Protein backbone atom coordinates (compact mmCIF):
# COMPACT_ATOMS: atom_id res chain seq x y z
CA MET A 1 9.15 8.00 17.72
CA GLN A 2 6.69 10.09 15.70
CA ALA A 3 3.04 10.70 16.72
CA TYR A 4 0.26 11.40 13.92
CA ARG A 5 -3.18 12.84 15.37
CA ALA A 6 -6.01 12.54 13.34
CA SER A 7 -9.35 10.02 12.81
CA LEU A 8 -8.05 6.60 12.83
CA LEU A 9 -9.48 3.49 10.65
CA HIS A 10 -7.97 -0.12 10.56
CA PHE A 11 -9.87 -3.76 10.50
CA HIS A 12 -8.63 -6.97 12.11
CA ALA A 13 -11.57 -9.02 10.02
CA ASP A 14 -13.72 -8.80 7.26
CA PRO A 15 -17.07 -6.30 8.07
CA ALA A 16 -18.93 -9.10 5.22
CA PHE A 17 -18.58 -11.36 8.33
CA ARG A 18 -18.41 -9.36 11.67
CA ASP A 19 -20.06 -6.45 12.84
CA ASP A 20 -17.24 -5.08 15.13
CA ALA A 21 -14.78 -5.97 12.22
CA HIS A 22 -13.19 -2.32 12.33
CA HIS A 23 -11.42 -0.60 14.76
CA TRP A 24 -12.38 3.59 14.76
CA HIS A 25 -10.91 5.98 16.75
CA GLU A 26 -12.36 9.49 15.94
CA ASP A 27 -9.39 11.81 17.91
CA GLY A 28 -7.08 9.21 17.40
CA LEU A 29 -3.40 8.69 17.72
CA LEU A 30 -0.76 6.68 15.55
CA LEU A 31 2.78 6.18 17.22
CA VAL A 32 4.99 5.09 14.54
CA ASP A 33 8.69 4.18 15.53
CA GLU A 34 11.61 3.05 13.36
CA GLY A 35 9.87 2.65 10.56
CA ARG A 36 6.91 0.18 12.36
CA VAL A 37 3.43 0.81 14.04
CA VAL A 38 4.03 1.06 18.00
CA ALA A 39 0.16 1.72 18.97
CA ALA A 40 -2.95 3.01 17.68
CA GLY A 41 -5.57 4.12 19.80
CA ASP A 42 -7.59 7.14 21.29
CA TYR A 43 -5.40 10.40 21.11
CA ASP A 44 -6.69 11.22 25.08
CA ALA A 45 -5.49 7.71 26.19
CA LEU A 46 -2.38 7.63 24.14
CA HIS A 47 -0.83 11.15 24.22
CA ALA A 48 0.07 10.97 27.80
CA THR A 49 2.49 8.07 27.06
CA LEU A 50 4.37 10.11 24.71
CA PRO A 51 8.02 10.23 25.67
CA GLN A 52 9.07 13.99 25.91
CA GLY A 53 9.73 15.62 22.92
CA THR A 54 8.19 13.56 20.82
CA PRO A 55 7.05 14.91 17.64
CA LEU A 56 3.70 15.47 16.56
CA HIS A 57 1.79 15.71 13.47
CA ASP A 58 -1.39 17.02 13.74
CA TYR A 59 -3.63 15.91 11.14
CA SER A 60 -7.07 16.77 12.84
CA GLY A 61 -9.84 16.54 10.39
CA LYS A 62 -8.80 14.38 8.45
CA LEU A 63 -8.55 10.35 7.99
CA ILE A 64 -5.48 7.73 8.60
CA THR A 65 -5.82 4.38 7.23
CA PRO A 66 -3.57 1.91 6.26
CA GLY A 67 -1.69 2.52 2.86
CA PHE A 68 -3.92 1.18 -0.23
CA ILE A 69 -2.82 -2.25 -1.47
CA ASP A 70 -3.64 -2.95 -5.34
CA THR A 71 -3.30 -6.83 -6.03
CA HIS A 72 -2.74 -6.54 -9.87
CA VAL A 73 -1.07 -3.79 -11.62
CA HIS A 74 0.84 -3.92 -14.81
CA TYR A 75 3.43 -1.15 -14.49
CA PRO A 76 5.01 -1.45 -18.36
CA GLN A 77 1.12 -0.39 -18.93
CA THR A 78 1.51 3.30 -17.73
CA ASP A 79 2.00 4.73 -21.16
CA MET A 80 -0.99 3.00 -22.89
CA ILE A 81 -3.51 3.46 -20.41
CA ALA A 82 -7.21 4.49 -22.21
CA SER A 83 -6.02 2.85 -25.52
CA PRO A 84 -9.34 1.84 -27.66
CA ALA A 85 -10.18 -1.64 -28.67
CA PRO A 86 -13.44 -4.01 -29.02
CA GLY A 87 -12.04 -6.48 -26.34
CA LEU A 88 -9.47 -7.94 -24.21
CA LEU A 89 -7.30 -9.80 -27.23
CA PRO A 90 -7.29 -7.06 -30.23
CA TRP A 91 -6.14 -4.66 -27.25
CA LEU A 92 -2.88 -7.00 -26.11
CA ASP A 93 -1.92 -7.17 -30.12
CA THR A 94 -2.36 -3.23 -30.81
CA TYR A 95 -1.10 -1.62 -27.62
CA THR A 96 -0.15 -3.96 -25.20
CA PHE A 97 2.92 -5.71 -26.76
CA PRO A 98 3.99 -3.40 -28.62
CA THR A 99 4.18 -0.84 -25.73
CA GLU A 100 6.19 -3.80 -23.75
CA ARG A 101 8.60 -3.85 -26.05
CA GLN A 102 10.43 -0.72 -25.24
CA PHE A 103 10.97 -1.98 -21.85
CA ALA A 104 14.08 -4.17 -23.57
CA ASP A 105 15.54 -0.59 -22.73
CA PRO A 106 16.50 -0.27 -19.08
CA ALA A 107 16.56 3.26 -19.35
CA HIS A 108 13.14 3.18 -20.92
CA ALA A 109 12.22 0.79 -17.72
CA ALA A 110 13.75 3.02 -15.47
CA ARG A 111 11.95 6.11 -16.32
CA THR A 112 8.43 4.58 -16.58
CA ALA A 113 9.34 2.99 -13.05
CA GLU A 114 9.93 6.22 -11.50
CA PHE A 115 6.21 7.51 -13.05
CA PHE A 116 4.57 5.08 -12.22
CA LEU A 117 5.47 4.46 -8.33
CA ASP A 118 5.14 8.55 -8.36
CA GLU A 119 1.16 7.39 -9.35
CA LEU A 120 0.67 4.91 -6.99
CA LEU A 121 2.26 7.01 -4.01
CA ARG A 122 0.18 10.18 -5.12
CA CYS A 123 -3.10 7.69 -5.28
CA GLY A 124 -2.37 6.63 -1.67
CA THR A 125 -0.73 2.92 -3.11
CA THR A 126 1.85 1.62 -1.03
CA THR A 127 2.33 -1.58 -1.95
CA ALA A 128 1.33 -3.47 -5.31
CA MET A 129 1.41 -6.73 -7.24
CA VAL A 130 3.42 -5.94 -9.95
CA TYR A 131 3.84 -7.05 -13.83
CA CYS A 132 6.86 -6.46 -15.48
CA THR A 133 7.56 -7.14 -18.87
CA VAL A 134 9.45 -10.49 -20.39
CA HIS A 135 12.70 -8.43 -19.84
CA ALA A 136 14.81 -8.89 -16.57
CA ALA A 137 15.71 -5.30 -16.95
CA SER A 138 11.98 -4.27 -16.16
CA VAL A 139 11.74 -6.14 -13.07
CA ASP A 140 15.29 -4.80 -11.64
CA ALA A 141 14.01 -1.49 -12.94
CA LEU A 142 11.10 -1.46 -10.47
CA PHE A 143 12.46 -2.99 -7.32
CA ALA A 144 15.17 -0.34 -7.57
CA ALA A 145 13.25 2.61 -8.06
CA ALA A 146 11.24 1.01 -4.90
CA GLY A 147 14.03 -0.09 -3.08
CA GLN A 148 15.07 3.74 -3.13
CA ARG A 149 11.74 4.74 -1.55
CA GLN A 150 11.48 1.85 1.25
CA LEU A 151 8.49 0.52 -0.50
CA ARG A 152 6.91 -2.86 0.17
CA MET A 153 6.36 -4.36 -3.71
CA VAL A 154 5.65 -7.42 -5.22
CA ALA A 155 6.27 -8.20 -8.86
CA GLY A 156 7.64 -10.45 -11.34
CA LYS A 157 9.26 -10.98 -14.95
CA VAL A 158 6.42 -11.82 -17.16
CA LEU A 159 6.58 -15.47 -18.57
CA MET A 160 6.01 -16.21 -22.54
CA ASP A 161 6.60 -18.72 -24.94
CA ARG A 162 3.58 -18.73 -27.19
CA HIS A 163 0.94 -16.78 -28.95
CA CYS A 164 3.11 -13.48 -28.51
CA PRO A 165 5.21 -11.55 -30.89
CA GLU A 166 8.91 -13.31 -31.16
CA TRP A 167 10.35 -10.16 -30.01
CA LEU A 168 8.33 -10.48 -26.44
CA ARG A 169 9.06 -14.18 -26.50
CA ASP A 170 10.95 -16.43 -24.19
CA THR A 171 10.88 -20.80 -23.61
CA ALA A 172 9.89 -22.58 -20.93
CA GLU A 173 13.91 -22.89 -19.99
CA THR A 174 14.97 -19.44 -20.26
CA GLY A 175 11.98 -17.89 -18.81
CA ALA A 176 12.40 -20.30 -15.59
CA ARG A 177 16.05 -19.63 -15.55
CA ASP A 178 15.53 -15.84 -15.51
CA SER A 179 13.07 -15.97 -12.89
CA GLU A 180 14.73 -18.19 -10.54
CA ALA A 181 17.91 -15.79 -11.15
CA LEU A 182 15.44 -12.78 -10.25
CA ILE A 183 14.34 -14.75 -7.03
CA ARG A 184 17.93 -14.50 -5.72
CA ARG A 185 18.66 -11.11 -6.75
CA TRP A 186 15.75 -9.40 -5.31
CA HIS A 187 13.04 -11.50 -3.17
CA ASN A 188 13.22 -10.70 0.33
CA LYS A 189 15.91 -8.14 -0.15
CA GLY A 190 15.06 -4.84 1.77
CA ARG A 191 11.08 -4.75 1.05
CA ALA A 192 10.92 -6.41 -2.25
CA LEU A 193 9.01 -9.75 -2.57
CA TYR A 194 8.98 -12.05 -5.93
CA ALA A 195 6.20 -12.82 -8.03
CA ILE A 196 6.19 -15.96 -10.16
CA THR A 197 4.36 -14.41 -13.07
CA PRO A 198 3.13 -16.14 -16.34
CA ARG A 199 1.14 -14.29 -17.69
CA PHE A 200 -2.15 -15.94 -18.76
CA ALA A 201 -2.45 -19.58 -19.94
CA PRO A 202 -2.81 -18.63 -23.76
CA THR A 203 0.44 -17.47 -23.75
CA SER A 204 2.62 -20.09 -21.95
CA SER A 205 2.86 -23.95 -23.21
CA GLU A 206 2.14 -26.28 -20.45
CA ALA A 207 6.08 -27.18 -20.12
CA GLN A 208 6.23 -22.89 -19.06
CA LEU A 209 3.35 -23.70 -16.78
CA ARG A 210 5.22 -26.52 -15.08
CA LEU A 211 8.27 -25.07 -14.75
CA ALA A 212 6.64 -22.44 -13.02
CA GLY A 213 4.88 -24.88 -10.76
CA GLU A 214 7.77 -26.35 -9.91
CA LEU A 215 9.82 -22.58 -9.13
CA ALA A 216 6.51 -21.96 -6.71
CA THR A 217 7.13 -25.64 -5.03
CA ALA A 218 11.20 -24.53 -4.68
CA TRP A 219 10.35 -21.01 -3.09
CA PRO A 220 7.19 -21.44 -1.32
CA ASP A 221 7.37 -17.98 0.38
CA THR A 222 7.16 -16.48 -3.00
CA PHE A 223 3.78 -15.70 -4.55
CA VAL A 224 2.38 -16.32 -8.09
CA GLN A 225 0.07 -13.77 -10.07
CA SER A 226 -1.49 -14.72 -13.79
CA HIS A 227 -4.95 -13.83 -14.92
CA VAL A 228 -7.74 -16.23 -15.19
CA SER A 229 -10.91 -16.29 -16.74
CA GLU A 230 -11.41 -12.67 -17.35
CA ASN A 231 -13.22 -12.58 -20.85
CA ALA A 232 -15.26 -15.28 -22.51
CA ASP A 233 -13.66 -15.36 -25.62
CA GLU A 234 -10.36 -15.46 -23.86
CA CYS A 235 -11.84 -18.87 -21.74
CA ARG A 236 -12.94 -20.40 -25.06
CA TRP A 237 -9.59 -19.93 -26.12
CA VAL A 238 -8.43 -21.92 -23.45
CA ARG A 239 -10.73 -25.09 -23.47
CA GLU A 240 -9.06 -24.75 -27.15
CA LEU A 241 -5.37 -25.14 -26.01
CA PHE A 242 -6.06 -27.11 -22.83
CA PRO A 243 -8.64 -29.69 -23.46
CA GLN A 244 -7.42 -32.13 -20.93
CA ALA A 245 -8.24 -29.70 -18.23
CA ARG A 246 -11.77 -29.08 -16.36
CA SER A 247 -11.59 -25.44 -16.53
CA TYR A 248 -9.31 -22.38 -16.79
CA LEU A 249 -8.79 -22.76 -13.33
CA ASP A 250 -7.22 -26.07 -13.43
CA VAL A 251 -4.64 -25.60 -15.79
CA TYR A 252 -3.15 -23.62 -13.60
CA GLU A 253 -3.79 -26.10 -10.89
CA ARG A 254 -2.28 -29.22 -12.74
CA CYS A 255 1.22 -27.21 -13.01
CA GLY A 256 1.12 -26.37 -9.29
CA LEU A 257 0.39 -22.79 -9.22
CA LEU A 258 -2.16 -22.94 -7.02
CA ARG A 259 -1.25 -22.06 -3.68
CA PRO A 260 -1.32 -19.33 -0.61
CA ARG A 261 0.18 -16.36 -2.21
CA ALA A 262 -1.08 -17.45 -5.49
CA VAL A 263 -3.48 -14.16 -6.50
CA TYR A 264 -5.05 -14.03 -9.75
CA GLY A 265 -6.73 -11.10 -11.33
CA HIS A 266 -10.41 -11.36 -12.61
CA CYS A 267 -11.89 -14.82 -11.58
CA ILE A 268 -15.05 -13.57 -13.65
CA TRP A 269 -16.40 -16.57 -15.14
CA LEU A 270 -15.18 -19.47 -12.52
CA ASP A 271 -17.90 -21.76 -11.95
CA ASP A 272 -18.55 -23.35 -8.59
CA ALA A 273 -16.23 -26.26 -8.43
CA ASP A 274 -13.30 -23.46 -9.00
CA ARG A 275 -14.24 -21.13 -6.45
CA ALA A 276 -14.16 -24.01 -4.31
CA ARG A 277 -10.82 -25.11 -4.94
CA MET A 278 -9.45 -20.81 -4.91
CA ALA A 279 -10.96 -21.17 -1.28
CA ALA A 280 -9.28 -24.72 -0.43
CA THR A 281 -6.21 -23.92 -1.65
CA GLY A 282 -5.73 -20.67 -0.22
CA ALA A 283 -5.08 -18.80 -3.74
CA ALA A 284 -6.96 -15.35 -3.92
CA ALA A 285 -9.01 -13.00 -6.40
CA ALA A 286 -7.60 -9.57 -7.09
CA VAL A 287 -10.96 -7.61 -8.21
CA CYS A 288 -10.47 -5.48 -11.34
CA PRO A 289 -13.54 -3.59 -11.93
CA THR A 290 -12.36 -0.47 -13.93
CA SER A 291 -10.77 -2.93 -16.12
CA ASN A 292 -13.68 -5.43 -16.47
CA LEU A 293 -15.65 -2.79 -17.81
CA PHE A 294 -13.64 -0.90 -19.90
CA LEU A 295 -12.97 -4.14 -21.74
CA GLY A 296 -16.47 -5.54 -21.73
CA SER A 297 -14.96 -8.72 -19.61
CA GLY A 298 -17.98 -9.39 -17.16
CA LEU A 299 -18.98 -8.34 -13.93
CA PHE A 300 -17.35 -10.24 -10.38
CA ASP A 301 -19.76 -11.70 -8.74
CA PHE A 302 -19.05 -10.81 -4.89
CA ALA A 303 -21.73 -13.08 -3.09
CA GLN A 304 -20.55 -16.40 -4.69
CA ALA A 305 -17.05 -15.40 -3.89
CA ASP A 306 -17.96 -15.31 -0.34
CA ARG A 307 -20.21 -18.13 -0.23
CA ALA A 308 -17.25 -20.04 -1.39
CA GLY A 309 -14.99 -18.43 1.30
CA MET A 310 -12.82 -17.02 -1.32
CA ARG A 311 -10.20 -14.57 -0.77
CA VAL A 312 -11.03 -11.56 -2.41
CA ALA A 313 -9.21 -8.21 -2.79
CA LEU A 314 -9.04 -5.06 -4.91
CA ALA A 315 -7.23 -3.72 -7.89
CA THR A 316 -6.78 -1.29 -10.50
CA ASP A 317 -5.21 -3.67 -13.36
CA VAL A 318 -3.80 -0.51 -15.06
CA GLY A 319 -3.70 -0.37 -18.50
CA GLY A 320 -6.61 -1.79 -18.92
CA GLY A 321 -7.51 -0.32 -15.47
CA THR A 322 -8.56 3.29 -15.99
CA SER A 323 -7.23 4.90 -12.88
CA PHE A 324 -4.53 4.27 -10.15
CA SER A 325 -6.92 4.95 -8.11
CA MET A 326 -7.90 2.83 -5.48
CA LEU A 327 -10.81 5.00 -3.96
CA GLN A 328 -11.91 5.12 -8.07
CA THR A 329 -11.60 1.47 -8.31
CA MET A 330 -13.98 0.91 -4.65
CA ASN A 331 -16.85 3.30 -7.04
CA GLU A 332 -16.83 0.82 -9.93
CA ALA A 333 -16.66 -2.05 -7.22
CA TYR A 334 -19.49 -0.80 -5.78
CA LYS A 335 -21.40 -0.20 -8.69
CA VAL A 336 -20.58 -3.89 -10.25
CA ALA A 337 -21.43 -5.10 -7.05
CA ARG A 338 -25.18 -4.05 -7.31
CA LEU A 339 -25.29 -5.00 -11.28
CA THR A 340 -25.20 -8.89 -9.77
CA GLY A 341 -27.31 -7.81 -7.06
CA SER A 342 -24.95 -7.41 -4.13
CA TYR A 343 -24.09 -5.07 -1.96
CA LEU A 344 -20.76 -3.47 -1.25
CA PRO A 345 -20.75 -1.40 2.25
CA ALA A 346 -17.68 1.50 2.15
CA LEU A 347 -16.44 -0.45 5.07
CA ARG A 348 -16.03 -3.46 3.37
CA MET A 349 -14.49 -1.96 0.12
CA PHE A 350 -11.71 -0.10 2.86
CA TYR A 351 -11.01 -3.48 3.93
CA LEU A 352 -10.59 -5.01 0.34
CA ALA A 353 -8.15 -2.52 -0.37
CA THR A 354 -6.47 -2.59 2.92
CA LEU A 355 -6.27 -5.70 5.38
CA GLY A 356 -8.10 -7.80 3.10
CA ALA A 357 -5.68 -7.34 0.42
CA ALA A 358 -2.70 -8.33 3.23
CA ARG A 359 -4.74 -11.55 3.97
CA ALA A 360 -5.26 -12.12 -0.12
CA MET A 361 -1.42 -12.10 0.03
CA GLY A 362 -0.29 -13.78 3.12
CA LEU A 363 0.63 -10.55 4.89
CA GLU A 364 -1.06 -10.01 7.56
CA GLY A 365 1.01 -8.79 10.08
CA THR A 366 2.97 -7.31 7.76
CA ILE A 367 1.09 -5.03 6.26
CA GLY A 368 -2.52 -3.37 6.19
CA GLY A 369 -3.45 -2.63 9.44
CA PHE A 370 -1.96 -0.92 12.50
CA ALA A 371 -1.53 -3.76 14.97
CA PRO A 372 1.83 -3.31 16.67
CA GLY A 373 4.78 -4.23 14.68
CA THR A 374 3.28 -3.92 11.33
CA GLU A 375 5.45 -1.56 8.66
CA ALA A 376 3.96 1.53 9.11
CA ASP A 377 2.59 2.20 5.70
CA PHE A 378 -0.45 4.46 6.27
CA ILE A 379 -2.34 7.61 4.01
CA VAL A 380 -3.79 10.58 5.34
CA LEU A 381 -7.21 11.07 3.52
CA ASP A 382 -8.98 14.74 3.55
CA PRO A 383 -12.40 14.83 3.26
CA GLN A 384 -12.55 18.36 2.53
CA ALA A 385 -9.62 17.85 -0.65
CA THR A 386 -12.94 18.95 -3.34
CA PRO A 387 -15.51 21.61 -2.90
CA LEU A 388 -18.02 18.56 -3.60
CA LEU A 389 -16.17 16.72 -1.00
CA GLN A 390 -16.48 19.36 1.59
CA ARG A 391 -20.32 20.06 1.19
CA ARG A 392 -21.08 16.06 1.09
CA THR A 393 -18.92 15.19 4.00
CA SER A 394 -20.06 17.99 6.09
CA HIS A 395 -23.05 16.57 6.82
CA CYS A 396 -22.06 12.84 7.18
CA ALA A 397 -24.21 11.00 10.05
CA SER A 398 -22.08 7.84 9.99
CA LEU A 399 -18.86 6.61 9.67
CA GLU A 400 -20.43 4.08 6.79
CA GLU A 401 -21.72 7.74 5.26
CA LEU A 402 -17.67 9.38 5.17
CA LEU A 403 -16.17 5.98 4.20
CA PHE A 404 -18.76 5.98 1.01
CA ALA A 405 -18.47 9.40 -0.02
CA LEU A 406 -14.91 9.35 -0.14
CA ALA A 407 -15.39 6.25 -2.29
CA LEU A 408 -17.65 7.25 -4.74
CA LEU A 409 -16.41 10.83 -4.82
CA GLY A 410 -12.84 10.90 -3.87
CA ASP A 411 -9.60 10.75 -6.36
CA ASP A 412 -6.12 10.97 -5.90
CA ARG A 413 -6.91 14.56 -4.31
CA ALA A 414 -8.08 13.02 -1.21
CA VAL A 415 -4.97 12.17 -0.66
CA ALA A 416 -3.04 14.07 1.88
CA ALA A 417 -0.01 12.62 2.57
CA THR A 418 1.34 8.90 1.86
CA TYR A 419 3.95 7.02 4.07
CA ALA A 420 5.88 4.51 3.51
CA ALA A 421 8.10 2.58 6.35
CA GLY A 422 7.13 5.44 8.73
CA ASN A 423 8.93 8.12 6.02
CA ARG A 424 6.54 10.51 4.08
CA VAL A 425 7.06 9.98 0.53
CA HIS A 426 3.97 11.82 -0.90
CA VAL A 427 2.64 14.91 0.15
CA ARG A 428 -0.55 16.74 -1.89
CA ASP A 429 0.40 20.23 -3.43
CA ALA A 430 3.93 20.11 -2.57
CA ALA A 431 6.08 22.62 -4.14
């Protein structure tokens, strides 16, 4: 048993729909045993119940929340973050594909995976849905590195059999065969979970998408991840390539790829029928505000998604995204919402990066909260991490103000420590 004293924040519902959606213990205690949460509550109530000799880690003055969950990120694009281009499609051709070519080398993949995970943990992200490359070795490298740190990661080999360089191309058959082999090797092994991963409809033939859908049916507890309706030019291209489909989203549904545990990046240019299908099938949207602003793709409409009952979570989308920090992602999500006439309270943003993301992925009760039995992935946030944060948070009048300051002014420096399965896997300023 280990005990952690700090202010505690976690959720049991979406603050957009319930005023009592969160649990807040200003002087709280989190109890962890064998990598799982035992209890979370007021210090005064729980301290007396501790077995004699239980180690107490005192983070008084700081805030403990569940670890952040990034629902859409490309680890091979770590080295090309902040690369200039006039739009999504030329950015792919100029930077993305040449960078991903290097992952044919397992040693390069292993080095990048280690750095990528270091960055996630430094920013307080304990789980991510990760795109690898077409190379099976890129998946092996990521899961091996994550396993060494006991991290709950979801990842998959990218499927591409057309409209990409020859040296990054698989076939419908080899892509499906390699994906199934990776599922058998990694899915539910330790904390690894597999995602069937067509890059996006234009780079997969209908045959490849249908085989991916067959895999998704054969392995219903795997994940599906892809991109949809990110960019206006991309949407026009999809209409040309799939004239029989009602919409871009319909391309995936016709191939059996719209279901629970399917998470689609962006979802900017959906119509009302698309949003209704997302809600009805249990698929989720990974909202990527820093990427959408960087590439000029458009603005996600939170209000329309909420009206439709869509599952929604936040994501960095590195390397189109410009930061691994979920706090910085909240910062930009807030601004995107304002530009579309919506308002995202800080409580909602923290929900979308924790329990909301776990719900979007079908992992509530496993990660994303502090209910008893949940895996003990959590972070320690420091409201005094920078001089400006310290000055602003010293006179916060409410929890909402405190969280808003962390979201708008915070970054990796605000993460004092990160824990995965009860083990400390990052500490700020460690020598």
